[in-house]
């Protein structure tokens, strides 16, 4: 029994089922502005859209399944009382609103992730051969020290498509970690800036930082002002300010403070 058939067995009316059915048929796409060297590798975002769509449908179905038994009991009770029509309408509105909420959320997350991919690619640049980063870490592709669960070693090679796939998976993981650890509502620009920042600095360091503490306290300006302090890298046993990191932190801070229309 598939999800739609199961929901039908719960006696949800056609409007509620239509809401979920329409979600299942969504084709989520995100317009991206990329240069010629990036165009070929962005075709992989189609698989991301499919993944986001499946997560969306599953989340919506679970939400309705959780209330299915209660709705069925209410409907059966209403039939006995002669109020079947009004309760069905009320239940339909709940189902449609739930589906709409999950649809909007999934679209926003996918859009934010696509923007983060574009930003990080611009900031990191692509290298097909493994190289030693400024802090002594061996990285490859878009500045990644681990690919498919294995530490990068000098001599390793990677294609742009492979590098973007690994980058997308890592950024999506970081995005979810940020959302889980945040106690405040983040707009898309804040989420993109934080995901880029965390990719560069590391999840553990960010979550222990004054920046994140201020963020969760609702002090967004105070959190933004913390970005510039993270412009140093370990070199020769000491922290040294780097021009590249200074520029990157300014970019992330500016984006974090940019109002979303």
C-alpha atoms as a PDB file:
ATOM      1  CA  UNK A   1       0.000   0.000   0.000  1.00  0.00           C
ATOM      2  CA  UNK A   2       1.521   3.338  -1.037  1.00  0.00           C
ATOM      3  CA  UNK A   3       1.268   6.552   0.985  1.00  0.00           C
ATOM      4  CA  UNK A   4      -1.645   8.019  -0.975  1.00  0.00           C
ATOM      5  CA  UNK A   5      -3.653   4.770  -0.742  1.00  0.00           C
ATOM      6  CA  UNK A   6      -2.931   4.586   2.990  1.00  0.00           C
ATOM      7  CA  UNK A   7      -4.167   8.114   3.536  1.00  0.00           C
ATOM      8  CA  UNK A   8      -7.265   7.317   1.521  1.00  0.00           C
ATOM      9  CA  UNK A   9      -7.956   4.389   3.849  1.00  0.00           C
ATOM     10  CA  UNK A  10      -7.895   6.913   6.701  1.00  0.00           C
ATOM     11  CA  UNK A  11     -10.960   8.482   5.061  1.00  0.00           C
ATOM     12  CA  UNK A  12      -9.405  11.876   4.462  1.00  0.00           C
ATOM     13  CA  UNK A  13     -11.521  13.691   1.898  1.00  0.00           C
ATOM     14  CA  UNK A  14     -10.455  14.446  -1.658  1.00  0.00           C
ATOM     15  CA  UNK A  15      -9.185  17.949  -0.892  1.00  0.00           C
ATOM     16  CA  UNK A  16      -6.705  16.663   1.697  1.00  0.00           C
ATOM     17  CA  UNK A  17      -5.593  13.842  -0.568  1.00  0.00           C
ATOM     18  CA  UNK A  18      -5.195  16.262  -3.460  1.00  0.00           C
ATOM     19  CA  UNK A  19      -2.860  18.393  -1.360  1.00  0.00           C
ATOM     20  CA  UNK A  20      -0.528  15.445  -0.749  1.00  0.00           C
ATOM     21  CA  UNK A  21      -0.880  14.128  -4.289  1.00  0.00           C
ATOM     22  CA  UNK A  22       0.112  17.515  -5.686  1.00  0.00           C
ATOM     23  CA  UNK A  23       3.193  17.509  -3.470  1.00  0.00           C
ATOM     24  CA  UNK A  24       4.193  14.112  -4.758  1.00  0.00           C
ATOM     25  CA  UNK A  25       4.132  15.431  -8.309  1.00  0.00           C
ATOM     26  CA  UNK A  26       6.097  18.612  -7.589  1.00  0.00           C
ATOM     27  CA  UNK A  27       9.097  19.293  -9.800  1.00  0.00           C
ATOM     28  CA  UNK A  28      11.244  21.560  -7.654  1.00  0.00           C
ATOM     29  CA  UNK A  29      13.770  23.635  -9.571  1.00  0.00           C
ATOM     30  CA  UNK A  30      15.974  26.513  -8.515  1.00  0.00           C
ATOM     31  CA  UNK A  31      17.200  29.078 -11.044  1.00  0.00           C
ATOM     32  CA  UNK A  32      20.940  29.597 -10.677  1.00  0.00           C
ATOM     33  CA  UNK A  33      23.284  32.192 -12.094  1.00  0.00           C
ATOM     34  CA  UNK A  34      26.511  30.406 -12.906  1.00  0.00           C
ATOM     35  CA  UNK A  35      29.482  30.988 -15.139  1.00  0.00           C
ATOM     36  CA  UNK A  36      30.410  28.737 -18.024  1.00  0.00           C
ATOM     37  CA  UNK A  37      32.776  26.573 -15.981  1.00  0.00           C
ATOM     38  CA  UNK A  38      30.032  25.865 -13.439  1.00  0.00           C
ATOM     39  CA  UNK A  39      27.149  25.201 -15.847  1.00  0.00           C
ATOM     40  CA  UNK A  40      27.919  21.560 -16.585  1.00  0.00           C
ATOM     41  CA  UNK A  41      28.178  20.496 -12.964  1.00  0.00           C
ATOM     42  CA  UNK A  42      24.915  22.111 -11.861  1.00  0.00           C
ATOM     43  CA  UNK A  43      22.840  19.420 -13.544  1.00  0.00           C
ATOM     44  CA  UNK A  44      23.306  17.410 -10.354  1.00  0.00           C
ATOM     45  CA  UNK A  45      20.966  19.799  -8.506  1.00  0.00           C
ATOM     46  CA  UNK A  46      18.130  17.919 -10.160  1.00  0.00           C
ATOM     47  CA  UNK A  47      18.835  14.982  -7.841  1.00  0.00           C
ATOM     48  CA  UNK A  48      18.795  17.387  -4.911  1.00  0.00           C
ATOM     49  CA  UNK A  49      15.386  18.622  -5.966  1.00  0.00           C
ATOM     50  CA  UNK A  50      14.101  15.067  -6.082  1.00  0.00           C
ATOM     51  CA  UNK A  51      15.520  14.419  -2.627  1.00  0.00           C
ATOM     52  CA  UNK A  52      13.937  17.552  -1.246  1.00  0.00           C
ATOM     53  CA  UNK A  53      10.648  16.619  -2.863  1.00  0.00           C
ATOM     54  CA  UNK A  54      10.689  13.158  -1.261  1.00  0.00           C
ATOM     55  CA  UNK A  55      11.504  14.638   2.147  1.00  0.00           C
ATOM     56  CA  UNK A  56       8.653  17.073   1.720  1.00  0.00           C
ATOM     57  CA  UNK A  57       6.095  14.421   0.816  1.00  0.00           C
ATOM     58  CA  UNK A  58       7.242  12.099   3.596  1.00  0.00           C
ATOM     59  CA  UNK A  59       7.077  14.857   6.207  1.00  0.00           C
ATOM     60  CA  UNK A  60       3.606  15.906   5.096  1.00  0.00           C
ATOM     61  CA  UNK A  61       2.358  12.335   5.047  1.00  0.00           C
ATOM     62  CA  UNK A  62       3.725  11.658   8.530  1.00  0.00           C
ATOM     63  CA  UNK A  63       2.062  14.757   9.878  1.00  0.00           C
ATOM     64  CA  UNK A  64      -1.290  13.702   8.476  1.00  0.00           C
ATOM     65  CA  UNK A  65      -0.864  10.055   9.457  1.00  0.00           C
ATOM     66  CA  UNK A  66      -0.200  11.147  13.029  1.00  0.00           C
ATOM     67  CA  UNK A  67      -3.618  12.768  13.124  1.00  0.00           C
ATOM     68  CA  UNK A  68      -5.374  10.318  10.803  1.00  0.00           C
ATOM     69  CA  UNK A  69      -6.949   8.163  13.493  1.00  0.00           C
ATOM     70  CA  UNK A  70      -8.173  11.178  15.421  1.00  0.00           C
ATOM     71  CA  UNK A  71      -9.642  12.708  12.253  1.00  0.00           C
ATOM     72  CA  UNK A  72     -11.363   9.449  11.349  1.00  0.00           C
ATOM     73  CA  UNK A  73     -12.921   9.204  14.804  1.00  0.00           C
ATOM     74  CA  UNK A  74     -14.050  12.812  14.565  1.00  0.00           C
ATOM     75  CA  UNK A  75     -15.574  12.268  11.150  1.00  0.00           C
ATOM     76  CA  UNK A  76     -17.415   9.119  12.227  1.00  0.00           C
ATOM     77  CA  UNK A  77     -18.696  10.907  15.305  1.00  0.00           C
ATOM     78  CA  UNK A  78     -19.771  13.841  13.159  1.00  0.00           C
ATOM     79  CA  UNK A  79     -21.691  11.561  10.829  1.00  0.00           C
ATOM     80  CA  UNK A  80     -23.714  10.311  13.774  1.00  0.00           C
ATOM     81  CA  UNK A  81     -24.375  13.888  14.825  1.00  0.00           C
ATOM     82  CA  UNK A  82     -25.154  15.117  11.321  1.00  0.00           C
ATOM     83  CA  UNK A  83     -22.094  17.415  11.146  1.00  0.00           C
ATOM     84  CA  UNK A  84     -20.082  15.375   8.667  1.00  0.00           C
ATOM     85  CA  UNK A  85     -19.735  18.106   6.022  1.00  0.00           C
ATOM     86  CA  UNK A  86     -18.448  20.861   8.284  1.00  0.00           C
ATOM     87  CA  UNK A  87     -15.883  18.633   9.988  1.00  0.00           C
ATOM     88  CA  UNK A  88     -14.642  17.310   6.662  1.00  0.00           C
ATOM     89  CA  UNK A  89     -14.117  20.866   5.500  1.00  0.00           C
ATOM     90  CA  UNK A  90     -12.234  21.725   8.686  1.00  0.00           C
ATOM     91  CA  UNK A  91     -10.012  18.658   8.383  1.00  0.00           C
ATOM     92  CA  UNK A  92      -9.318  19.472   4.740  1.00  0.00           C
ATOM     93  CA  UNK A  93      -8.124  22.952   5.656  1.00  0.00           C
ATOM     94  CA  UNK A  94      -5.766  21.499   8.268  1.00  0.00           C
ATOM     95  CA  UNK A  95      -4.325  19.047   5.736  1.00  0.00           C
ATOM     96  CA  UNK A  96      -3.892  21.671   3.041  1.00  0.00           C
ATOM     97  CA  UNK A  97      -2.268  24.161   5.438  1.00  0.00           C
ATOM     98  CA  UNK A  98       0.117  21.458   6.676  1.00  0.00           C
ATOM     99  CA  UNK A  99       1.048  20.516   3.119  1.00  0.00           C
ATOM    100  CA  UNK A 100       1.522  24.184   2.154  1.00  0.00           C
ATOM    101  CA  UNK A 101       3.770  24.771   5.162  1.00  0.00           C
ATOM    102  CA  UNK A 102       5.968  21.784   4.332  1.00  0.00           C
ATOM    103  CA  UNK A 103       6.115  22.805   0.671  1.00  0.00           C
ATOM    104  CA  UNK A 104       7.235  26.351   1.512  1.00  0.00           C
ATOM    105  CA  UNK A 105       9.808  25.080   3.997  1.00  0.00           C
ATOM    106  CA  UNK A 106      11.326  22.601   1.553  1.00  0.00           C
ATOM    107  CA  UNK A 107      11.512  25.191  -1.212  1.00  0.00           C
ATOM    108  CA  UNK A 108      13.231  27.714   1.072  1.00  0.00           C
ATOM    109  CA  UNK A 109      15.784  25.162   2.265  1.00  0.00           C
ATOM    110  CA  UNK A 110      16.549  24.017  -1.262  1.00  0.00           C
ATOM    111  CA  UNK A 111      16.926  27.595  -2.456  1.00  0.00           C
ATOM    112  CA  UNK A 112      19.237  28.436   0.467  1.00  0.00           C
ATOM    113  CA  UNK A 113      21.328  25.349  -0.219  1.00  0.00           C
ATOM    114  CA  UNK A 114      21.698  26.225  -3.899  1.00  0.00           C
ATOM    115  CA  UNK A 115      22.802  29.762  -2.987  1.00  0.00           C
ATOM    116  CA  UNK A 116      25.302  28.371  -0.479  1.00  0.00           C
ATOM    117  CA  UNK A 117      26.785  26.041  -3.094  1.00  0.00           C
ATOM    118  CA  UNK A 118      27.266  28.971  -5.471  1.00  0.00           C
ATOM    119  CA  UNK A 119      28.828  31.136  -2.742  1.00  0.00           C
ATOM    120  CA  UNK A 120      31.216  28.482  -1.430  1.00  0.00           C
ATOM    121  CA  UNK A 121      32.338  27.566  -4.936  1.00  0.00           C
ATOM    122  CA  UNK A 122      33.193  31.197  -5.592  1.00  0.00           C
ATOM    123  CA  UNK A 123      35.016  31.594  -2.280  1.00  0.00           C
ATOM    124  CA  UNK A 124      36.947  28.317  -2.395  1.00  0.00           C
ATOM    125  CA  UNK A 125      37.687  27.893  -6.076  1.00  0.00           C
ATOM    126  CA  UNK A 126      38.108  24.469  -7.673  1.00  0.00           C
ATOM    127  CA  UNK A 127      41.267  22.358  -7.655  1.00  0.00           C
ATOM    128  CA  UNK A 128      41.223  18.942  -9.327  1.00  0.00           C
ATOM    129  CA  UNK A 129      44.406  17.839  -7.520  1.00  0.00           C
ATOM    130  CA  UNK A 130      44.868  17.529  -3.772  1.00  0.00           C
ATOM    131  CA  UNK A 131      46.854  20.369  -2.224  1.00  0.00           C
ATOM    132  CA  UNK A 132      47.941  21.634   1.200  1.00  0.00           C
ATOM    133  CA  UNK A 133      45.703  24.407   2.569  1.00  0.00           C
ATOM    134  CA  UNK A 134      47.048  27.400   4.512  1.00  0.00           C
ATOM    135  CA  UNK A 135      46.613  25.603   7.841  1.00  0.00           C
ATOM    136  CA  UNK A 136      48.459  22.505   6.644  1.00  0.00           C
ATOM    137  CA  UNK A 137      45.371  20.406   5.882  1.00  0.00           C
ATOM    138  CA  UNK A 138      45.337  18.412   2.644  1.00  0.00           C
ATOM    139  CA  UNK A 139      42.192  19.311   0.670  1.00  0.00           C
ATOM    140  CA  UNK A 140      40.762  18.866  -2.811  1.00  0.00           C
ATOM    141  CA  UNK A 141      37.960  20.110  -5.039  1.00  0.00           C
ATOM    142  CA  UNK A 142      36.281  22.990  -3.240  1.00  0.00           C
ATOM    143  CA  UNK A 143      38.524  22.917  -0.187  1.00  0.00           C
ATOM    144  CA  UNK A 144      37.290  19.631   1.264  1.00  0.00           C
ATOM    145  CA  UNK A 145      39.572  17.531   3.510  1.00  0.00           C
ATOM    146  CA  UNK A 146      37.315  14.463   3.404  1.00  0.00           C
ATOM    147  CA  UNK A 147      35.662  12.906   0.341  1.00  0.00           C
ATOM    148  CA  UNK A 148      33.300   9.934   0.681  1.00  0.00           C
ATOM    149  CA  UNK A 149      34.381   9.394   4.278  1.00  0.00           C
ATOM    150  CA  UNK A 150      38.113   9.220   3.475  1.00  0.00           C
ATOM    151  CA  UNK A 151      40.758  11.820   4.248  1.00  0.00           C
ATOM    152  CA  UNK A 152      42.210  13.443   1.169  1.00  0.00           C
ATOM    153  CA  UNK A 153      45.815  12.562   0.375  1.00  0.00           C
ATOM    154  CA  UNK A 154      48.336  14.274  -1.845  1.00  0.00           C
ATOM    155  CA  UNK A 155      48.119  12.753  -5.302  1.00  0.00           C
ATOM    156  CA  UNK A 156      44.311  12.405  -5.198  1.00  0.00           C
ATOM    157  CA  UNK A 157      42.334  13.672  -8.189  1.00  0.00           C
ATOM    158  CA  UNK A 158      38.683  14.682  -8.532  1.00  0.00           C
ATOM    159  CA  UNK A 159      36.346  15.936 -11.273  1.00  0.00           C
ATOM    160  CA  UNK A 160      34.171  19.050 -10.918  1.00  0.00           C
ATOM    161  CA  UNK A 161      31.021  16.927 -10.857  1.00  0.00           C
ATOM    162  CA  UNK A 162      32.407  14.686  -8.108  1.00  0.00           C
ATOM    163  CA  UNK A 163      33.611  17.705  -6.143  1.00  0.00           C
ATOM    164  CA  UNK A 164      30.251  19.448  -6.368  1.00  0.00           C
ATOM    165  CA  UNK A 165      28.393  16.315  -5.297  1.00  0.00           C
ATOM    166  CA  UNK A 166      30.607  16.032  -2.212  1.00  0.00           C
ATOM    167  CA  UNK A 167      30.261  19.761  -1.526  1.00  0.00           C
ATOM    168  CA  UNK A 168      26.480  19.665  -1.829  1.00  0.00           C
ATOM    169  CA  UNK A 169      26.198  16.730   0.586  1.00  0.00           C
ATOM    170  CA  UNK A 170      28.477  18.425   3.120  1.00  0.00           C
ATOM    171  CA  UNK A 171      26.698  21.781   2.935  1.00  0.00           C
ATOM    172  CA  UNK A 172      23.303  20.117   3.273  1.00  0.00           C
ATOM    173  CA  UNK A 173      24.547  18.298   6.379  1.00  0.00           C
ATOM    174  CA  UNK A 174      25.873  21.551   7.870  1.00  0.00           C
ATOM    175  CA  UNK A 175      22.655  23.383   7.019  1.00  0.00           C
ATOM    176  CA  UNK A 176      20.595  20.812   8.918  1.00  0.00           C
ATOM    177  CA  UNK A 177      22.969  20.953  11.896  1.00  0.00           C
ATOM    178  CA  UNK A 178      22.662  24.737  12.058  1.00  0.00           C
ATOM    179  CA  UNK A 179      18.870  24.592  11.918  1.00  0.00           C
ATOM    180  CA  UNK A 180      18.806  21.959  14.660  1.00  0.00           C
ATOM    181  CA  UNK A 181      21.121  23.975  16.935  1.00  0.00           C
ATOM    182  CA  UNK A 182      19.497  27.368  16.324  1.00  0.00           C
ATOM    183  CA  UNK A 183      16.841  28.608  18.728  1.00  0.00           C
ATOM    184  CA  UNK A 184      15.917  31.567  16.524  1.00  0.00           C
ATOM    185  CA  UNK A 185      14.283  31.849  13.111  1.00  0.00           C
ATOM    186  CA  UNK A 186      16.869  32.357  10.364  1.00  0.00           C
ATOM    187  CA  UNK A 187      16.132  33.993   7.049  1.00  0.00           C
ATOM    188  CA  UNK A 188      17.680  32.579   3.875  1.00  0.00           C
ATOM    189  CA  UNK A 189      20.614  35.016   3.782  1.00  0.00           C
ATOM    190  CA  UNK A 190      21.495  34.321   7.416  1.00  0.00           C
ATOM    191  CA  UNK A 191      21.361  30.575   6.792  1.00  0.00           C
ATOM    192  CA  UNK A 192      23.551  30.825   3.686  1.00  0.00           C
ATOM    193  CA  UNK A 193      26.134  32.999   5.456  1.00  0.00           C
ATOM    194  CA  UNK A 194      26.239  30.729   8.513  1.00  0.00           C
ATOM    195  CA  UNK A 195      26.525  27.576   6.396  1.00  0.00           C
ATOM    196  CA  UNK A 196      29.416  29.020   4.393  1.00  0.00           C
ATOM    197  CA  UNK A 197      31.110  30.202   7.589  1.00  0.00           C
ATOM    198  CA  UNK A 198      30.663  26.835   9.311  1.00  0.00           C
ATOM    199  CA  UNK A 199      31.958  24.939   6.274  1.00  0.00           C
ATOM    200  CA  UNK A 200      35.169  26.960   6.517  1.00  0.00           C
ATOM    201  CA  UNK A 201      35.581  27.045  10.315  1.00  0.00           C
ATOM    202  CA  UNK A 202      34.063  23.743  11.446  1.00  0.00           C
ATOM    203  CA  UNK A 203      30.794  22.841  13.160  1.00  0.00           C
ATOM    204  CA  UNK A 204      32.254  22.236  16.603  1.00  0.00           C
ATOM    205  CA  UNK A 205      34.110  25.558  16.688  1.00  0.00           C
ATOM    206  CA  UNK A 206      31.099  27.531  15.461  1.00  0.00           C
ATOM    207  CA  UNK A 207      28.653  26.024  17.920  1.00  0.00           C
ATOM    208  CA  UNK A 208      31.014  26.891  20.809  1.00  0.00           C
ATOM    209  CA  UNK A 209      31.600  30.416  19.540  1.00  0.00           C
ATOM    210  CA  UNK A 210      30.460  33.782  20.862  1.00  0.00           C
ATOM    211  CA  UNK A 211      28.921  34.339  17.430  1.00  0.00           C
ATOM    212  CA  UNK A 212      26.544  31.414  17.830  1.00  0.00           C
ATOM    213  CA  UNK A 213      25.779  32.273  21.453  1.00  0.00           C
ATOM    214  CA  UNK A 214      24.773  35.783  20.429  1.00  0.00           C
ATOM    215  CA  UNK A 215      22.755  34.392  17.550  1.00  0.00           C
ATOM    216  CA  UNK A 216      20.706  32.138  19.814  1.00  0.00           C
ATOM    217  CA  UNK A 217      20.215  35.038  22.209  1.00  0.00           C
ATOM    218  CA  UNK A 218      18.551  36.942  19.381  1.00  0.00           C
ATOM    219  CA  UNK A 219      21.406  39.433  19.059  1.00  0.00           C
ATOM    220  CA  UNK A 220      21.739  39.289  15.267  1.00  0.00           C
ATOM    221  CA  UNK A 221      23.847  42.438  14.962  1.00  0.00           C
ATOM    222  CA  UNK A 222      26.187  41.213  17.696  1.00  0.00           C
ATOM    223  CA  UNK A 223      26.497  37.863  15.901  1.00  0.00           C
ATOM    224  CA  UNK A 224      27.250  39.616  12.597  1.00  0.00           C
ATOM    225  CA  UNK A 225      30.008  41.661  14.232  1.00  0.00           C
ATOM    226  CA  UNK A 226      31.741  38.434  15.272  1.00  0.00           C
ATOM    227  CA  UNK A 227      32.430  37.320  11.687  1.00  0.00           C
ATOM    228  CA  UNK A 228      35.531  39.535  11.181  1.00  0.00           C
ATOM    229  CA  UNK A 229      37.298  38.004  14.200  1.00  0.00           C
ATOM    230  CA  UNK A 230      37.493  34.668  12.362  1.00  0.00           C
ATOM    231  CA  UNK A 231      40.045  35.827   9.789  1.00  0.00           C
ATOM    232  CA  UNK A 232      43.068  33.932  11.081  1.00  0.00           C
ATOM    233  CA  UNK A 233      44.663  30.565  10.302  1.00  0.00           C
ATOM    234  CA  UNK A 234      47.253  28.487  12.120  1.00  0.00           C
ATOM    235  CA  UNK A 235      50.630  28.997  10.464  1.00  0.00           C
ATOM    236  CA  UNK A 236      53.945  28.125  12.014  1.00  0.00           C
ATOM    237  CA  UNK A 237      52.322  27.400  15.374  1.00  0.00           C
ATOM    238  CA  UNK A 238      50.495  30.717  15.668  1.00  0.00           C
ATOM    239  CA  UNK A 239      47.324  32.392  14.417  1.00  0.00           C
ATOM    240  CA  UNK A 240      47.976  34.709  11.485  1.00  0.00           C
ATOM    241  CA  UNK A 241      45.410  37.059   9.860  1.00  0.00           C
ATOM    242  CA  UNK A 242      44.969  36.260   6.173  1.00  0.00           C
ATOM    243  CA  UNK A 243      43.733  38.685   3.524  1.00  0.00           C
ATOM    244  CA  UNK A 244      41.631  35.981   1.889  1.00  0.00           C
ATOM    245  CA  UNK A 245      39.867  35.095   5.131  1.00  0.00           C
ATOM    246  CA  UNK A 246      39.355  38.766   5.960  1.00  0.00           C
ATOM    247  CA  UNK A 247      37.604  39.257   2.628  1.00  0.00           C
ATOM    248  CA  UNK A 248      35.562  36.080   3.091  1.00  0.00           C
ATOM    249  CA  UNK A 249      34.366  37.085   6.558  1.00  0.00           C
ATOM    250  CA  UNK A 250      33.293  40.481   5.234  1.00  0.00           C
ATOM    251  CA  UNK A 251      31.331  38.786   2.447  1.00  0.00           C
ATOM    252  CA  UNK A 252      29.593  36.476   4.922  1.00  0.00           C
ATOM    253  CA  UNK A 253      28.873  39.301   7.379  1.00  0.00           C
ATOM    254  CA  UNK A 254      27.409  41.502   4.647  1.00  0.00           C
ATOM    255  CA  UNK A 255      25.193  38.672   3.423  1.00  0.00           C
ATOM    256  CA  UNK A 256      24.116  37.839   6.987  1.00  0.00           C
ATOM    257  CA  UNK A 257      22.933  41.455   7.455  1.00  0.00           C
ATOM    258  CA  UNK A 258      21.257  41.736   4.034  1.00  0.00           C
ATOM    259  CA  UNK A 259      17.487  41.979   4.379  1.00  0.00           C
ATOM    260  CA  UNK A 260      15.488  39.355   2.496  1.00  0.00           C
ATOM    261  CA  UNK A 261      12.721  40.869   0.370  1.00  0.00           C
END
